[in-house]
N, C-alpha and C. Protein backbone atom coordinates (compact mmCIF):
# COMPACT_ATOMS: atom_id res chain seq x y z
N MET A 1 -53.17 -119.62 83.45
CA MET A 1 -54.70 -119.59 82.84
C MET A 1 -54.10 -119.49 81.27
N SER A 2 -55.43 -120.46 81.02
CA SER A 2 -55.16 -120.80 79.50
C SER A 2 -56.73 -121.05 78.83
N ILE A 3 -56.74 -120.72 77.61
CA ILE A 3 -58.49 -120.85 77.23
C ILE A 3 -58.22 -121.83 75.82
N GLU A 4 -59.66 -122.84 76.00
CA GLU A 4 -59.48 -123.76 74.52
C GLU A 4 -60.91 -123.61 74.17
N MET A 5 -60.87 -123.48 72.84
CA MET A 5 -62.33 -123.26 72.32
C MET A 5 -62.72 -124.12 71.38
N LEU A 6 -63.67 -124.81 71.72
CA LEU A 6 -64.48 -126.00 70.82
C LEU A 6 -64.44 -125.26 69.30
N GLU A 7 -64.17 -126.67 68.54
CA GLU A 7 -64.51 -126.21 67.29
C GLU A 7 -65.80 -125.87 66.41
N LYS A 8 -66.73 -126.55 67.10
CA LYS A 8 -68.10 -126.53 66.41
C LYS A 8 -68.98 -125.64 67.28
N PRO A 9 -69.49 -124.56 66.85
CA PRO A 9 -70.56 -123.46 67.34
C PRO A 9 -71.69 -124.66 67.98
N ALA A 10 -72.12 -124.09 69.17
CA ALA A 10 -73.11 -124.57 69.92
C ALA A 10 -74.61 -124.05 69.10
N ALA A 11 -74.19 -123.16 68.68
CA ALA A 11 -75.35 -122.43 67.50
C ALA A 11 -75.03 -121.47 66.54
N GLN A 12 -75.90 -121.20 65.43
CA GLN A 12 -75.58 -119.81 64.85
C GLN A 12 -76.90 -119.22 64.46
N ILE A 13 -76.60 -117.85 64.61
CA ILE A 13 -77.66 -116.78 64.74
C ILE A 13 -77.62 -116.00 63.37
N PRO A 14 -78.52 -116.26 62.54
CA PRO A 14 -78.70 -115.77 61.27
C PRO A 14 -78.77 -114.10 61.21
N ALA A 15 -78.26 -113.30 60.67
CA ALA A 15 -78.51 -111.83 60.90
C ALA A 15 -78.16 -111.33 59.45
N ILE A 16 -78.56 -109.74 59.50
CA ILE A 16 -78.63 -108.81 58.41
C ILE A 16 -77.37 -107.85 58.66
N ASN A 17 -76.25 -107.83 57.93
CA ASN A 17 -75.38 -106.69 58.55
C ASN A 17 -75.14 -105.65 57.55
N VAL A 18 -74.83 -104.62 57.89
CA VAL A 18 -74.33 -103.56 56.71
C VAL A 18 -72.84 -103.95 56.17
N MET A 19 -72.85 -103.90 54.58
CA MET A 19 -71.55 -103.75 54.14
C MET A 19 -70.61 -102.89 54.12
N ALA A 20 -69.32 -103.05 54.36
CA ALA A 20 -68.24 -102.12 54.63
C ALA A 20 -68.53 -101.10 53.79
N GLY A 21 -68.56 -99.86 54.24
CA GLY A 21 -68.52 -98.58 53.02
C GLY A 21 -69.88 -98.83 52.75
N SER A 22 -71.13 -98.78 53.88
CA SER A 22 -72.41 -98.69 53.40
C SER A 22 -73.08 -99.21 52.10
N ARG A 23 -72.36 -100.21 51.13
CA ARG A 23 -72.87 -100.54 49.87
C ARG A 23 -73.77 -101.65 50.22
N GLY A 24 -74.84 -101.76 50.91
CA GLY A 24 -75.79 -102.33 50.90
C GLY A 24 -75.76 -103.28 51.95
N SER A 25 -76.61 -104.39 52.06
CA SER A 25 -76.66 -105.55 53.40
C SER A 25 -76.12 -106.89 53.03
N GLU A 26 -75.81 -107.72 53.95
CA GLU A 26 -75.29 -108.99 53.38
C GLU A 26 -75.92 -109.70 55.00
N ARG A 27 -76.13 -111.25 54.39
CA ARG A 27 -76.54 -111.90 55.21
C ARG A 27 -75.40 -112.59 55.74
N ILE A 28 -75.45 -113.08 57.25
CA ILE A 28 -74.34 -113.55 57.77
C ILE A 28 -74.57 -114.58 58.87
N HIS A 29 -74.00 -115.25 59.59
CA HIS A 29 -74.51 -116.21 60.60
C HIS A 29 -73.13 -116.16 61.83
N ILE A 30 -73.83 -115.55 62.87
CA ILE A 30 -72.84 -115.23 64.03
C ILE A 30 -73.05 -116.46 64.88
N PRO A 31 -71.63 -117.18 65.29
CA PRO A 31 -71.66 -118.54 65.92
C PRO A 31 -71.89 -118.00 67.53
N ILE A 32 -72.23 -118.92 68.33
CA ILE A 32 -71.98 -118.86 69.43
C ILE A 32 -71.00 -120.21 69.81
N LEU A 33 -69.69 -119.65 70.28
CA LEU A 33 -68.94 -120.50 70.46
C LEU A 33 -68.62 -120.97 72.16
N LYS A 34 -68.43 -122.27 71.97
CA LYS A 34 -68.19 -122.32 73.76
C LYS A 34 -66.67 -122.66 74.19
N GLY A 35 -66.23 -122.56 75.00
CA GLY A 35 -64.85 -123.02 75.28
C GLY A 35 -64.69 -123.39 76.78
N ARG A 36 -63.42 -123.53 77.07
CA ARG A 36 -63.16 -123.59 78.69
C ARG A 36 -61.92 -122.73 79.00
N TRP A 37 -62.07 -121.97 80.12
CA TRP A 37 -60.91 -121.25 80.29
C TRP A 37 -60.42 -121.38 81.73
N SER A 38 -59.59 -121.83 81.81
CA SER A 38 -58.68 -122.36 83.34
C SER A 38 -58.33 -121.20 84.15
N GLY A 39 -58.56 -121.07 85.53
CA GLY A 39 -57.93 -120.25 86.07
C GLY A 39 -58.97 -118.99 86.62
N LEU A 40 -60.41 -119.48 86.29
CA LEU A 40 -61.56 -118.75 86.36
C LEU A 40 -61.86 -118.91 87.94
N PRO A 41 -62.32 -117.93 89.05
CA PRO A 41 -62.77 -118.01 90.41
C PRO A 41 -63.87 -119.18 90.18
N PRO A 42 -63.74 -120.02 91.30
CA PRO A 42 -64.73 -121.08 91.27
C PRO A 42 -66.29 -120.75 91.40
N ASP A 43 -66.53 -119.50 91.72
CA ASP A 43 -68.11 -119.06 91.90
C ASP A 43 -68.66 -118.43 90.42
N LEU A 44 -67.56 -118.65 89.73
CA LEU A 44 -68.01 -117.64 88.16
C LEU A 44 -68.47 -119.43 87.22
N GLU A 45 -69.43 -119.11 86.87
CA GLU A 45 -70.04 -120.57 85.89
C GLU A 45 -69.76 -120.14 84.32
N ALA A 46 -69.76 -118.44 84.00
CA ALA A 46 -69.30 -118.47 82.51
C ALA A 46 -69.16 -117.15 82.38
N LEU A 47 -68.69 -116.93 81.07
CA LEU A 47 -68.21 -115.61 80.42
C LEU A 47 -68.97 -115.65 79.52
N VAL A 48 -69.64 -114.50 79.15
CA VAL A 48 -70.01 -114.11 77.83
C VAL A 48 -69.38 -113.06 76.83
N LEU A 49 -68.66 -113.36 75.80
CA LEU A 49 -68.11 -112.22 75.07
C LEU A 49 -68.36 -111.83 73.71
N VAL A 50 -68.49 -110.84 73.69
CA VAL A 50 -69.17 -110.35 72.55
C VAL A 50 -68.82 -109.28 71.65
N GLY A 51 -68.73 -108.72 70.52
CA GLY A 51 -68.28 -107.96 69.58
C GLY A 51 -69.30 -106.86 69.08
N ASP A 52 -69.17 -106.39 68.21
CA ASP A 52 -70.48 -105.35 67.56
C ASP A 52 -71.45 -106.20 67.40
N LEU A 53 -72.67 -106.13 67.94
CA LEU A 53 -73.66 -106.61 67.64
C LEU A 53 -74.99 -105.68 67.03
N GLN A 54 -74.59 -104.75 66.14
CA GLN A 54 -75.70 -103.89 65.80
C GLN A 54 -76.16 -104.20 64.68
N ALA A 55 -76.20 -105.40 64.04
CA ALA A 55 -76.60 -106.32 63.02
C ALA A 55 -78.19 -106.26 63.24
N CYS A 56 -79.18 -106.64 62.08
CA CYS A 56 -80.68 -106.80 62.79
C CYS A 56 -81.03 -108.32 62.43
N ASP A 57 -81.87 -108.93 62.70
CA ASP A 57 -82.64 -110.07 62.67
C ASP A 57 -82.74 -110.54 61.22
N ARG A 58 -83.66 -109.76 60.48
CA ARG A 58 -84.69 -109.81 59.38
C ARG A 58 -84.63 -108.64 59.01
N GLN A 59 -84.93 -108.52 57.51
CA GLN A 59 -84.93 -107.60 56.45
C GLN A 59 -86.24 -107.62 55.85
N ASP A 60 -87.16 -108.30 55.86
CA ASP A 60 -88.66 -109.12 55.16
C ASP A 60 -89.62 -108.22 56.27
N VAL A 61 -89.08 -107.38 56.92
CA VAL A 61 -90.30 -106.59 57.73
C VAL A 61 -89.77 -105.34 57.95
N PRO A 62 -90.98 -104.17 58.33
CA PRO A 62 -90.56 -102.73 58.37
C PRO A 62 -89.50 -102.87 59.45
N VAL A 63 -88.72 -101.85 59.44
CA VAL A 63 -87.82 -101.48 60.27
C VAL A 63 -88.02 -101.42 61.74
N GLU A 64 -89.14 -100.88 62.28
CA GLU A 64 -89.67 -100.83 63.29
C GLU A 64 -90.11 -102.11 63.79
N GLU A 65 -90.11 -103.22 63.07
CA GLU A 65 -90.51 -104.39 63.60
C GLU A 65 -89.26 -105.28 63.84
N ARG A 66 -88.33 -105.07 63.31
CA ARG A 66 -86.70 -105.69 63.59
C ARG A 66 -85.96 -105.50 65.00
N SER A 67 -85.33 -106.69 65.04
CA SER A 67 -84.69 -106.57 66.33
C SER A 67 -83.22 -106.43 66.15
N LEU A 68 -82.71 -105.89 67.06
CA LEU A 68 -80.89 -105.76 66.65
C LEU A 68 -80.26 -107.30 67.06
N ILE A 69 -79.50 -107.61 67.06
CA ILE A 69 -79.09 -109.05 67.09
C ILE A 69 -78.66 -109.12 68.36
N GLY A 70 -78.19 -108.27 69.20
CA GLY A 70 -77.86 -108.04 70.80
C GLY A 70 -79.33 -108.88 71.40
N GLN A 71 -80.38 -108.16 70.79
CA GLN A 71 -81.58 -109.00 71.67
C GLN A 71 -82.09 -110.64 71.41
N VAL A 72 -81.58 -110.65 70.00
CA VAL A 72 -81.81 -111.88 69.39
C VAL A 72 -80.90 -112.91 70.43
N MET A 73 -79.56 -112.37 70.33
CA MET A 73 -78.64 -113.42 71.05
C MET A 73 -78.96 -113.42 72.55
N SER A 74 -79.45 -112.63 73.24
CA SER A 74 -79.70 -112.61 74.45
C SER A 74 -80.66 -113.58 74.85
N GLY A 75 -81.63 -113.67 74.08
CA GLY A 75 -82.61 -114.89 73.75
C GLY A 75 -82.08 -116.26 73.26
N GLU A 76 -81.32 -116.42 72.58
CA GLU A 76 -80.50 -117.74 72.12
C GLU A 76 -80.00 -118.00 73.43
N LEU A 77 -78.95 -117.21 74.01
CA LEU A 77 -78.50 -117.61 75.14
C LEU A 77 -79.11 -118.22 76.36
N SER A 78 -80.09 -117.72 76.62
CA SER A 78 -81.38 -118.09 77.45
C SER A 78 -81.75 -119.35 77.06
N ALA A 79 -82.04 -119.76 76.07
CA ALA A 79 -82.54 -121.03 75.32
C ALA A 79 -81.56 -121.98 75.53
N LEU A 80 -80.29 -122.13 75.31
CA LEU A 80 -79.10 -122.88 75.33
C LEU A 80 -79.16 -123.04 76.98
N ALA A 81 -79.19 -122.06 77.52
CA ALA A 81 -79.06 -122.37 79.05
C ALA A 81 -80.20 -123.22 79.81
N ILE A 82 -81.35 -122.96 79.14
CA ILE A 82 -82.57 -123.99 79.72
C ILE A 82 -82.37 -125.46 79.26
N CYS A 83 -81.74 -125.13 78.03
CA CYS A 83 -81.67 -126.70 77.56
C CYS A 83 -80.22 -127.49 78.23
N GLY A 84 -79.65 -126.67 78.89
CA GLY A 84 -78.65 -127.30 79.47
C GLY A 84 -77.41 -127.47 78.57
N LEU A 85 -77.23 -126.39 77.72
CA LEU A 85 -76.09 -126.75 76.91
C LEU A 85 -75.07 -125.27 77.27
N LEU A 86 -75.36 -124.52 77.69
CA LEU A 86 -74.86 -123.54 78.67
C LEU A 86 -75.11 -123.28 80.26
N PRO A 87 -73.94 -123.08 80.84
CA PRO A 87 -74.32 -123.09 82.15
C PRO A 87 -75.56 -121.72 82.67
């Protein structure tokens, strides 16, 4: 079994993250990386591996109007699949 990651992200999602030690916030970009994984069962089309997705999408609106980046990521992955860029 082997993994080959493509270098260029399929997309990047802008986000607002809390800095270490709660010293404020920072703008980050979360890349969506594609790769190939040999040895997967033939009926498995894709795997989605994610880390801590507690950042939010924007800071210029009240807290109750913000989305967690996990929700945004789900929509972005769906859009990429509809466009044929992801299985």
